[in-house]
Amino acid sequence: MAKRRLWISFDWALKRLLRSKANFDILEGFLSELLKEEIRIVELLESESNKESRHDKSNRVDLKVRNARDELILIEIQYEREQDYLQRLLYGASRAITEHLAESEPYSRVVKVISVSILYFDLGQGDDYLYRGTTTFRGMHINDELALTEGQKALFKRHSVPEIFLEYYLIKVNRFNDIARDTLDEWIFFLKNEEIRDEFTARGLARAKEQLTVLKLPDAERQAYESYKEDLHYQASMVESTYGMGKLEGRLEGRREGMAGTLLHLLQLRFGPVPEPIRARVTSAATEELFAWTGRLFQAGSLDDLFP
């Protein structure tokens, strides 16, 4: 018998509940445990890097926030294998930098970007479940590490060269062996198992246990959540069964039609009768569009908000 879900998965929470300032402390707890420093979120940012368009190459950032140190933190959850994932990380983080530097500003105002990827597939070769990537410069003859001058430290408000450049964290959730050795592992246990044990003490998890409960969701949203999770299980099964064997297009089309039917039902529950033009858009939409509309369903005030 499948274990009953008590807590909302982190990916769903990122798209819904953690966008509220009232729940920033949950996200601050996770980031503080990961980055090993006190993180305070100042604001949630919406921009080209996390817009909903499925046609844009940068459409993968689930959440972008600015912390009290004026740094940008990009958080992304990825379930499907991608051979060029590392290059896409570089593209997305680099684009975030250019978005936040005006033409008239000096390069000393380049924003620090921290990219956090929560991955449910095995990326590259490596047995660890947590990787950190930074940039350093070493002498090719005497192997010394390039450091900042005192003047540069004052100008950049940074103590070392790696603090200026992009910083990456890769959490390979499926590699985690479910043994929580420290408070960060407690968070990774939650990311993998959607379970928060009573003995866990990591910052933010107590609030997550209180706020991210499935039973607190309204009936219609709980139905959407369960449908979303079932579809993730289906996608995982499809990837496992078709990886290296081609695409099973007929089954995917059937699943897409099922998603469209579920969304139409939820639209009717929330807004009443669905006009024919919107019904036609939903029934002919691609899977990515159906996911995007479902994700925004309970934030929209009207059908016009959801289907501009």
Protein backbone atom coordinates (compact mmCIF):
# COMPACT_ATOMS: atom_id res chain seq x y z
CA MET A 1 0.00 0.00 0.00
CA ALA A 2 1.34 3.44 -0.95
CA LYS A 3 2.28 5.71 1.95
CA ARG A 4 -0.22 8.51 2.49
CA ARG A 5 1.21 11.91 1.67
CA LEU A 6 1.17 14.23 4.67
CA TRP A 7 3.30 17.09 3.39
CA ILE A 8 3.27 19.00 0.15
CA SER A 9 6.29 18.35 -2.05
CA PHE A 10 8.89 21.10 -2.24
CA ASP A 11 8.40 21.68 -5.96
CA TRP A 12 4.67 22.35 -5.50
CA ALA A 13 5.43 24.58 -2.51
CA LEU A 14 7.88 26.63 -4.61
CA LYS A 15 5.24 27.26 -7.25
CA ARG A 16 2.51 28.13 -4.72
CA LEU A 17 2.98 28.57 -0.99
CA LEU A 18 6.60 29.74 -0.71
CA ARG A 19 5.89 32.75 -2.90
CA SER A 20 4.12 34.32 0.06
CA LYS A 21 6.19 36.51 2.38
CA ALA A 22 4.45 34.80 5.28
CA ASN A 23 6.29 31.60 4.32
CA PHE A 24 9.68 33.07 3.44
CA ASP A 25 11.07 31.67 6.70
CA ILE A 26 10.67 28.12 5.35
CA LEU A 27 12.73 28.93 2.27
CA GLU A 28 15.22 30.93 4.36
CA GLY A 29 15.71 27.86 6.52
CA PHE A 30 16.52 25.63 3.56
CA LEU A 31 18.93 28.16 2.02
CA SER A 32 20.64 28.87 5.35
CA GLU A 33 21.29 25.16 5.89
CA LEU A 34 22.59 24.76 2.32
CA LEU A 35 24.78 27.88 2.14
CA LYS A 36 25.96 27.64 5.76
CA GLU A 37 25.17 31.26 6.52
CA GLU A 38 22.22 33.30 7.70
CA ILE A 39 19.96 33.97 4.71
CA ARG A 40 17.19 36.56 4.80
CA ILE A 41 15.00 36.95 1.74
CA VAL A 42 14.14 40.53 0.87
CA GLU A 43 11.92 39.97 -2.16
CA LEU A 44 10.67 37.53 -4.75
CA LEU A 45 11.66 38.55 -8.27
CA GLU A 46 9.73 37.97 -11.48
CA SER A 47 11.57 38.49 -14.75
CA GLU A 48 12.54 37.01 -18.08
CA SER A 49 14.35 34.20 -16.27
CA ASN A 50 11.31 32.68 -14.61
CA LYS A 51 8.47 33.57 -16.96
CA GLU A 52 5.98 30.94 -18.01
CA SER A 53 6.61 30.82 -21.77
CA ARG A 54 7.51 27.28 -22.77
CA HIS A 55 9.29 28.60 -25.88
CA ASP A 56 11.97 30.53 -23.97
CA LYS A 57 15.22 28.73 -23.21
CA SER A 58 15.43 30.33 -19.77
CA ASN A 59 12.02 29.04 -18.69
CA ARG A 60 13.24 26.67 -15.99
CA VAL A 61 13.85 28.77 -12.88
CA ASP A 62 11.15 27.88 -10.35
CA LEU A 63 11.97 30.71 -7.97
CA LYS A 64 14.26 33.74 -7.97
CA VAL A 65 14.81 35.74 -4.79
CA ARG A 66 17.03 38.56 -3.59
CA ASN A 67 18.61 38.20 -0.17
CA ALA A 68 19.69 40.86 2.32
CA ARG A 69 23.22 40.89 0.84
CA ASP A 70 21.77 41.96 -2.53
CA GLU A 71 22.53 38.54 -4.06
CA LEU A 72 20.25 36.68 -6.43
CA ILE A 73 19.41 33.07 -5.62
CA LEU A 74 17.90 30.94 -8.37
CA ILE A 75 16.15 27.74 -7.31
CA GLU A 76 15.22 25.10 -9.84
CA ILE A 77 13.77 21.61 -9.56
CA GLN A 78 14.34 19.25 -12.46
CA TYR A 79 12.94 15.75 -12.88
CA GLU A 80 13.81 14.85 -16.45
CA ARG A 81 17.27 13.96 -17.75
CA GLU A 82 18.99 16.60 -19.86
CA GLN A 83 22.38 15.99 -21.44
CA ASP A 84 23.12 19.73 -21.69
CA TYR A 85 21.83 20.64 -18.23
CA LEU A 86 25.14 22.15 -17.09
CA GLN A 87 25.24 24.46 -20.10
CA ARG A 88 21.66 25.48 -19.46
CA LEU A 89 22.58 26.35 -15.86
CA LEU A 90 25.36 28.58 -17.16
CA TYR A 91 23.00 30.27 -19.62
CA GLY A 92 20.28 30.91 -17.04
CA ALA A 93 22.61 32.27 -14.37
CA SER A 94 24.48 34.45 -16.86
CA ARG A 95 21.22 35.87 -18.15
CA ALA A 96 20.15 36.73 -14.62
CA ILE A 97 23.35 38.79 -14.28
CA THR A 98 22.70 40.80 -17.43
CA GLU A 99 19.06 41.39 -16.47
CA HIS A 100 20.15 43.12 -13.28
CA LEU A 101 22.87 45.44 -14.60
CA ALA A 102 21.75 48.67 -16.24
CA GLU A 103 23.70 50.01 -19.21
CA SER A 104 24.97 52.99 -17.24
CA GLU A 105 26.19 51.00 -14.25
CA PRO A 106 29.88 50.06 -13.76
CA TYR A 107 30.94 46.41 -13.72
CA SER A 108 31.55 46.67 -9.99
CA ARG A 109 27.75 46.57 -9.62
CA VAL A 110 27.45 43.13 -11.23
CA VAL A 111 25.14 41.12 -9.00
CA LYS A 112 26.28 37.88 -7.34
CA VAL A 113 24.18 34.92 -8.51
CA ILE A 114 23.82 31.65 -6.61
CA SER A 115 22.21 28.81 -8.55
CA VAL A 116 20.59 25.96 -6.60
CA SER A 117 19.46 22.89 -8.56
CA ILE A 118 17.41 20.12 -6.97
CA LEU A 119 17.76 17.19 -9.35
CA TYR A 120 15.83 13.92 -9.46
CA PHE A 121 18.09 12.32 -12.07
CA ASP A 122 21.77 11.39 -12.11
CA LEU A 123 23.76 14.23 -13.65
CA GLY A 124 27.24 13.38 -14.93
CA GLN A 125 29.62 10.97 -13.21
CA GLY A 126 29.96 11.26 -9.46
CA ASP A 127 28.79 9.35 -6.39
CA ASP A 128 28.09 12.26 -4.05
CA TYR A 129 24.61 13.77 -3.69
CA LEU A 130 25.75 17.36 -3.10
CA TYR A 131 28.14 19.35 -5.28
CA ARG A 132 29.31 22.97 -5.12
CA GLY A 133 30.90 24.83 -8.01
CA THR A 134 32.89 28.08 -7.73
CA THR A 135 35.48 29.97 -9.77
CA THR A 136 39.11 30.36 -8.72
CA PHE A 137 42.25 31.44 -10.56
CA ARG A 138 45.57 29.65 -9.96
CA GLY A 139 49.04 30.51 -11.16
CA MET A 140 50.24 28.15 -13.87
CA HIS A 141 53.83 28.27 -12.62
CA ILE A 142 53.72 28.58 -8.82
CA ASN A 143 50.12 27.44 -8.22
CA ASP A 144 49.19 30.45 -6.08
CA GLU A 145 45.54 31.52 -5.90
CA LEU A 146 44.59 34.97 -7.16
CA ALA A 147 43.22 37.11 -4.31
CA LEU A 148 41.51 40.48 -4.03
CA THR A 149 43.35 43.59 -2.96
CA GLU A 150 42.09 45.47 0.09
CA GLY A 151 40.70 48.15 -2.24
CA GLN A 152 38.79 45.57 -4.27
CA LYS A 153 37.38 44.03 -1.11
CA ALA A 154 36.02 47.40 -0.07
CA LEU A 155 34.63 48.16 -3.54
CA PHE A 156 33.00 44.78 -4.16
CA LYS A 157 32.05 44.11 -0.53
CA ARG A 158 33.49 40.64 -0.99
CA HIS A 159 36.48 38.93 0.63
CA SER A 160 37.59 36.58 -2.15
CA VAL A 161 37.44 36.04 -5.91
CA PRO A 162 34.99 33.09 -5.73
CA GLU A 163 32.51 35.33 -3.89
CA ILE A 164 32.27 37.52 -7.01
CA PHE A 165 31.60 34.81 -9.56
CA LEU A 166 28.67 32.50 -10.11
CA GLU A 167 28.18 29.85 -7.46
CA TYR A 168 26.38 26.57 -8.15
CA TYR A 169 24.87 23.95 -5.86
CA LEU A 170 23.70 20.62 -7.32
CA ILE A 171 21.60 18.38 -5.08
CA LYS A 172 21.25 14.93 -6.66
CA VAL A 173 18.32 13.80 -4.56
CA ASN A 174 18.19 10.22 -5.81
CA ARG A 175 21.81 9.68 -4.70
CA PHE A 176 20.94 10.45 -1.07
CA ASN A 177 20.92 7.27 1.06
CA ASP A 178 18.24 8.50 3.52
CA ILE A 179 20.73 8.77 6.41
CA ALA A 180 20.49 12.30 7.84
CA ARG A 181 23.96 13.08 9.22
CA ASP A 182 23.34 16.80 9.70
CA THR A 183 20.61 19.40 9.39
CA LEU A 184 21.13 19.88 5.65
CA ASP A 185 20.63 16.14 5.19
CA GLU A 186 17.32 16.50 7.02
CA TRP A 187 16.19 18.90 4.30
CA ILE A 188 17.43 16.57 1.56
CA PHE A 189 15.54 13.72 3.24
CA PHE A 190 12.38 15.85 2.94
CA LEU A 191 13.15 16.69 -0.70
CA LYS A 192 13.47 13.00 -1.52
CA ASN A 193 10.79 11.42 0.65
CA GLU A 194 8.26 14.21 1.30
CA GLU A 195 8.51 13.31 4.97
CA ILE A 196 9.55 15.38 8.00
CA ARG A 197 10.53 13.27 10.99
CA ASP A 198 9.75 14.41 14.53
CA GLU A 199 13.44 14.42 15.52
CA PHE A 200 14.51 16.76 12.70
CA THR A 201 15.83 20.13 13.91
CA ALA A 202 16.92 21.85 10.66
CA ARG A 203 15.95 25.47 10.37
CA GLY A 204 12.67 25.93 8.52
CA LEU A 205 11.50 22.32 8.79
CA ALA A 206 9.29 22.91 11.83
CA ARG A 207 7.47 25.66 9.92
CA ALA A 208 7.33 23.47 6.84
CA LYS A 209 5.79 20.69 8.90
CA GLU A 210 3.19 23.15 10.17
CA GLN A 211 2.40 24.94 6.90
CA LEU A 212 3.03 22.49 4.07
CA THR A 213 0.39 19.95 4.99
CA VAL A 214 -1.76 18.39 2.30
CA LEU A 215 -4.84 18.54 4.53
CA LYS A 216 -4.65 22.34 4.66
CA LEU A 217 -5.24 22.59 0.92
CA PRO A 218 -8.77 23.43 -0.28
CA ASP A 219 -10.48 20.43 -1.87
CA ALA A 220 -10.07 21.62 -5.47
CA GLU A 221 -6.41 22.52 -4.98
CA ARG A 222 -5.73 19.22 -3.22
CA GLN A 223 -7.21 17.46 -6.23
CA ALA A 224 -4.94 19.47 -8.53
CA TYR A 225 -1.95 18.61 -6.33
CA GLU A 226 -2.71 14.90 -6.36
CA SER A 227 -3.14 15.00 -10.14
CA TYR A 228 0.18 16.82 -10.46
CA LYS A 229 2.00 14.24 -8.32
CA GLU A 230 0.46 11.35 -10.22
CA ASP A 231 1.64 12.89 -13.45
CA LEU A 232 5.18 13.20 -12.08
CA HIS A 233 5.13 9.50 -11.24
CA TYR A 234 3.90 8.78 -14.74
CA GLN A 235 6.65 10.92 -16.30
CA ALA A 236 9.28 9.14 -14.19
CA SER A 237 7.96 5.78 -15.37
CA MET A 238 7.96 6.95 -18.96
CA VAL A 239 11.54 8.18 -18.75
CA GLU A 240 12.64 4.92 -17.15
CA SER A 241 10.88 2.73 -19.70
CA THR A 242 11.72 4.75 -22.81
CA TYR A 243 15.22 6.04 -22.02
CA GLY A 244 17.36 4.98 -24.94
CA MET A 245 14.36 3.31 -26.63
CA GLY A 246 12.66 6.24 -28.35
CA LYS A 247 9.36 7.93 -27.63
CA LEU A 248 6.01 6.31 -27.03
CA GLU A 249 4.03 9.08 -28.64
CA GLY A 250 0.63 7.46 -28.46
CA ARG A 251 0.74 6.99 -24.68
CA LEU A 252 2.02 10.51 -24.14
CA GLU A 253 -0.85 11.88 -26.20
CA GLY A 254 -3.32 9.92 -24.10
CA ARG A 255 -1.79 11.33 -20.93
CA ARG A 256 -1.95 14.85 -22.33
CA GLU A 257 -5.64 14.44 -23.05
CA GLY A 258 -6.19 13.23 -19.50
CA MET A 259 -4.40 16.30 -18.12
CA ALA A 260 -6.54 18.56 -20.30
CA GLY A 261 -9.72 16.92 -19.01
CA THR A 262 -8.62 17.34 -15.38
CA LEU A 263 -7.79 21.01 -15.93
CA LEU A 264 -11.17 21.69 -17.57
CA HIS A 265 -12.90 20.08 -14.59
CA LEU A 266 -10.93 22.24 -12.13
CA LEU A 267 -11.65 25.37 -14.18
CA GLN A 268 -15.36 24.66 -14.00
CA LEU A 269 -15.19 24.09 -10.25
CA ARG A 270 -13.40 27.40 -9.71
CA PHE A 271 -14.92 29.72 -12.32
CA GLY A 272 -18.12 28.05 -13.52
CA PRO A 273 -18.91 27.15 -17.16
CA VAL A 274 -15.83 27.30 -19.39
CA PRO A 275 -16.30 29.27 -22.64
CA GLU A 276 -15.76 27.32 -25.83
CA PRO A 277 -12.66 29.29 -27.00
CA ILE A 278 -10.87 28.50 -23.72
CA ARG A 279 -12.05 24.89 -23.84
CA ALA A 280 -10.56 24.62 -27.34
CA ARG A 281 -7.23 26.11 -26.17
CA VAL A 282 -7.00 23.63 -23.31
CA THR A 283 -7.87 20.54 -25.35
CA SER A 284 -5.29 21.41 -28.03
CA ALA A 285 -2.53 22.63 -25.67
CA ALA A 286 0.86 20.99 -25.23
CA THR A 287 1.73 19.26 -21.96
CA GLU A 288 4.00 22.16 -20.87
CA GLU A 289 1.14 24.64 -21.26
CA LEU A 290 -1.22 22.42 -19.28
CA PHE A 291 1.34 22.25 -16.45
CA ALA A 292 1.76 26.05 -16.50
CA TRP A 293 -2.00 26.75 -16.40
CA THR A 294 -2.55 24.22 -13.62
CA GLY A 295 0.29 25.78 -11.63
CA ARG A 296 -1.30 29.24 -11.86
CA LEU A 297 -4.92 28.12 -11.50
CA PHE A 298 -5.46 29.03 -7.86
CA GLN A 299 -3.53 32.31 -8.07
CA ALA A 300 -5.72 33.62 -10.91
CA GLY A 301 -8.71 35.76 -10.05
CA SER A 302 -10.56 35.03 -13.26
CA LEU A 303 -10.35 33.10 -16.53
CA ASP A 304 -9.05 36.27 -18.18
CA ASP A 305 -6.11 36.32 -15.76
CA LEU A 306 -5.26 32.71 -16.60
CA PHE A 307 -5.87 32.95 -20.35
CA PRO A 308 -4.98 36.53 -21.43
